[in-house]
Amino acid sequence: MGEHLVKLEDVSAELLELVRASVEISLASIKGDEDLIPVLNIKSTMIVLQADSLDEARNAVQTVLDSSAVEHGVLLYNSYATIEGGQCARALLAEAYERNKDLRLRFAQYYRPSKRAGFLNRAQPLERIGELTFMPVCADAESGFCAWGRDRPIRLWNPG
């Protein structure tokens, strides 16, 4: 799959709405600091992808889109990110696909996981950090993409 520049205003409104809805559903399903198994949202169905790697999950997305009448899909998973100030946060990552187009759009929603109540601590709900962010390709990042802070890339990494 080739990487090329895409303006968000050129992307279908239906695909962007699917990304937003997918992120909302996924954030609501995350409990604590758990890892989200890669999931594909195809508008009417969420499919858990039993894959050993992210590349395998991406190939499964292409297979679903190529072998069905589904026009759009959003692959969702989470990772860790070091954001501005060196702070570690979780990132919900969404990769949007369109059938018959050589295109993969990447988005991130950074968040702090929810916490259970403890002896001296109150429970805290999941807290979003910033807005849903479009992520450009980042050639020198091991995972292949990054998000931009004010003046430098924010690195995403997977501890596993």
Protein backbone atom coordinates (compact mmCIF):
# COMPACT_ATOMS: atom_id res chain seq x y z
CA MET A 1 0.00 0.00 0.00
CA GLY A 2 1.54 3.27 -1.09
CA GLU A 3 1.81 6.33 1.07
CA HIS A 4 0.82 9.65 -0.45
CA LEU A 5 -0.40 13.01 0.74
CA VAL A 6 -4.13 13.26 1.29
CA LYS A 7 -6.12 16.33 2.30
CA LEU A 8 -8.76 15.51 4.88
CA GLU A 9 -11.27 17.63 2.98
CA ASP A 10 -10.88 15.21 0.03
CA VAL A 11 -11.84 12.19 2.16
CA SER A 12 -15.47 11.08 2.14
CA ALA A 13 -17.60 12.37 4.99
CA GLU A 14 -18.90 8.82 5.51
CA LEU A 15 -15.38 7.50 6.18
CA LEU A 16 -14.54 10.34 8.57
CA GLU A 17 -17.80 9.77 10.46
CA LEU A 18 -16.97 6.05 10.72
CA VAL A 19 -13.57 6.99 12.23
CA ARG A 20 -15.22 9.27 14.82
CA ALA A 21 -17.86 6.68 15.74
CA SER A 22 -15.23 3.91 15.93
CA VAL A 23 -13.08 5.94 18.31
CA GLU A 24 -16.07 6.68 20.56
CA ILE A 25 -17.08 3.01 20.71
CA SER A 26 -13.51 1.89 21.38
CA LEU A 27 -12.84 4.43 24.14
CA ALA A 28 -16.06 3.39 25.85
CA SER A 29 -14.95 -0.26 25.78
CA ILE A 30 -11.49 0.28 27.34
CA LYS A 31 -11.36 -0.55 31.03
CA GLY A 32 -8.25 0.49 32.93
CA ASP A 33 -4.86 0.26 31.24
CA GLU A 34 -5.68 -2.79 29.12
CA ASP A 35 -4.50 -3.39 25.58
CA LEU A 36 -7.17 -3.31 22.92
CA ILE A 37 -7.00 -6.35 20.63
CA PRO A 38 -7.05 -5.08 17.03
CA VAL A 39 -10.67 -4.56 15.98
CA LEU A 40 -12.11 -3.74 12.57
CA ASN A 41 -15.24 -1.58 12.47
CA ILE A 42 -17.18 -1.86 9.21
CA LYS A 43 -20.13 0.37 10.13
CA SER A 44 -22.57 -2.35 11.15
CA THR A 45 -20.14 -4.81 12.76
CA MET A 46 -17.06 -4.85 14.96
CA ILE A 47 -14.73 -7.73 14.05
CA VAL A 48 -12.03 -8.82 16.52
CA LEU A 49 -8.93 -9.69 14.47
CA GLN A 50 -7.00 -12.61 15.88
CA ALA A 51 -3.63 -11.59 14.45
CA ASP A 52 -0.09 -12.10 15.68
CA SER A 53 1.10 -8.74 14.35
CA LEU A 54 -0.21 -5.40 13.23
CA ASP A 55 0.83 -6.16 9.64
CA GLU A 56 -1.25 -9.34 9.78
CA ALA A 57 -4.23 -7.33 11.08
CA ARG A 58 -3.79 -4.78 8.26
CA ASN A 59 -3.76 -7.60 5.70
CA ALA A 60 -6.97 -8.95 7.23
CA VAL A 61 -8.59 -5.53 6.77
CA GLN A 62 -7.66 -5.57 3.08
CA THR A 63 -9.03 -9.10 2.72
CA VAL A 64 -12.37 -8.09 4.26
CA LEU A 65 -12.66 -5.02 2.04
CA ASP A 66 -11.59 -6.88 -1.13
CA SER A 67 -13.92 -9.82 -0.56
CA SER A 68 -17.11 -7.99 0.39
CA ALA A 69 -19.35 -5.09 -0.55
CA VAL A 70 -18.06 -3.07 2.41
CA GLU A 71 -16.79 0.35 1.27
CA HIS A 72 -15.01 1.55 4.44
CA GLY A 73 -13.25 0.03 7.42
CA VAL A 74 -11.46 1.34 10.50
CA LEU A 75 -8.76 -0.71 12.24
CA LEU A 76 -8.47 0.16 15.94
CA TYR A 77 -5.80 -0.72 18.51
CA ASN A 78 -3.93 1.06 21.28
CA SER A 79 -0.34 1.72 22.22
CA TYR A 80 1.74 4.05 24.38
CA ALA A 81 2.95 7.50 23.38
CA THR A 82 5.44 9.95 24.79
CA ILE A 83 3.78 13.32 24.41
CA GLU A 84 5.05 16.85 24.97
CA GLY A 85 6.98 17.29 28.18
CA GLY A 86 8.08 13.63 28.13
CA GLN A 87 4.79 12.48 29.65
CA CYS A 88 3.69 8.92 28.89
CA ALA A 89 0.09 8.46 27.75
CA ARG A 90 -2.01 5.83 26.02
CA ALA A 91 -3.02 6.33 22.41
CA LEU A 92 -6.05 4.83 20.69
CA LEU A 93 -5.00 4.46 17.07
CA ALA A 94 -7.45 4.34 14.17
CA GLU A 95 -6.46 3.46 10.61
CA ALA A 96 -9.16 4.24 8.03
CA TYR A 97 -9.38 2.28 4.77
CA GLU A 98 -11.47 2.73 1.64
CA ARG A 99 -12.15 -0.15 -0.74
CA ASN A 100 -10.42 0.06 -4.14
CA LYS A 101 -8.24 2.98 -3.01
CA ASP A 102 -4.56 2.79 -2.18
CA LEU A 103 -5.02 4.79 0.98
CA ARG A 104 -4.64 4.45 4.73
CA LEU A 105 -5.44 7.40 6.96
CA ARG A 106 -4.15 7.36 10.50
CA PHE A 107 -5.63 9.06 13.56
CA ALA A 108 -4.79 9.07 17.28
CA GLN A 109 -6.75 9.91 20.39
CA TYR A 110 -4.45 10.23 23.39
CA TYR A 111 -5.90 9.38 26.80
CA ARG A 112 -5.21 8.58 30.43
CA PRO A 113 -6.72 5.23 31.42
CA SER A 114 -9.43 4.97 34.03
CA LYS A 115 -8.40 4.01 37.57
CA ARG A 116 -10.29 2.02 40.18
CA ALA A 117 -10.85 3.45 43.61
CA GLY A 118 -8.20 2.53 46.13
CA PHE A 119 -7.77 2.92 49.87
CA LEU A 120 -6.86 6.61 49.65
CA ASN A 121 -7.69 7.30 45.99
CA ARG A 122 -10.96 8.02 44.25
CA ALA A 123 -11.90 6.27 41.03
CA GLN A 124 -11.05 8.22 37.89
CA PRO A 125 -12.77 7.81 34.53
CA LEU A 126 -10.83 7.58 31.26
CA GLU A 127 -9.64 11.08 30.38
CA ARG A 128 -9.01 12.25 26.81
CA ILE A 129 -5.88 14.27 26.15
CA GLY A 130 -6.59 16.71 23.33
CA GLU A 131 -8.69 16.05 20.25
CA LEU A 132 -8.72 13.24 17.71
CA THR A 133 -5.57 13.95 15.66
CA PHE A 134 -4.67 13.13 12.06
CA MET A 135 -1.22 11.50 11.96
CA PRO A 136 1.21 11.82 9.05
CA VAL A 137 3.65 9.10 8.06
CA CYS A 138 6.92 9.28 10.01
CA ALA A 139 9.65 7.39 8.17
CA ASP A 140 12.11 7.18 11.06
CA ALA A 141 9.64 5.84 13.63
CA GLU A 142 9.85 2.09 14.18
CA SER A 143 6.07 1.73 13.99
CA GLY A 144 6.00 3.70 10.74
CA PHE A 145 4.00 6.72 11.87
CA CYS A 146 3.93 9.52 14.37
CA ALA A 147 1.93 12.54 15.41
CA TRP A 148 3.29 16.06 15.54
CA GLY A 149 3.57 18.14 18.66
CA ARG A 150 4.20 21.87 18.45
CA ASP A 151 7.64 21.56 16.89
CA ARG A 152 8.63 17.90 16.81
CA PRO A 153 7.18 14.44 16.24
CA ILE A 154 5.53 12.59 19.11
CA ARG A 155 6.78 9.00 19.06
CA LEU A 156 4.41 6.09 19.42
CA TRP A 157 5.72 2.84 20.79
CA ASN A 158 4.44 -0.55 21.77
CA PRO A 159 6.09 -2.05 24.85
CA GLY A 160 5.18 -5.62 23.84
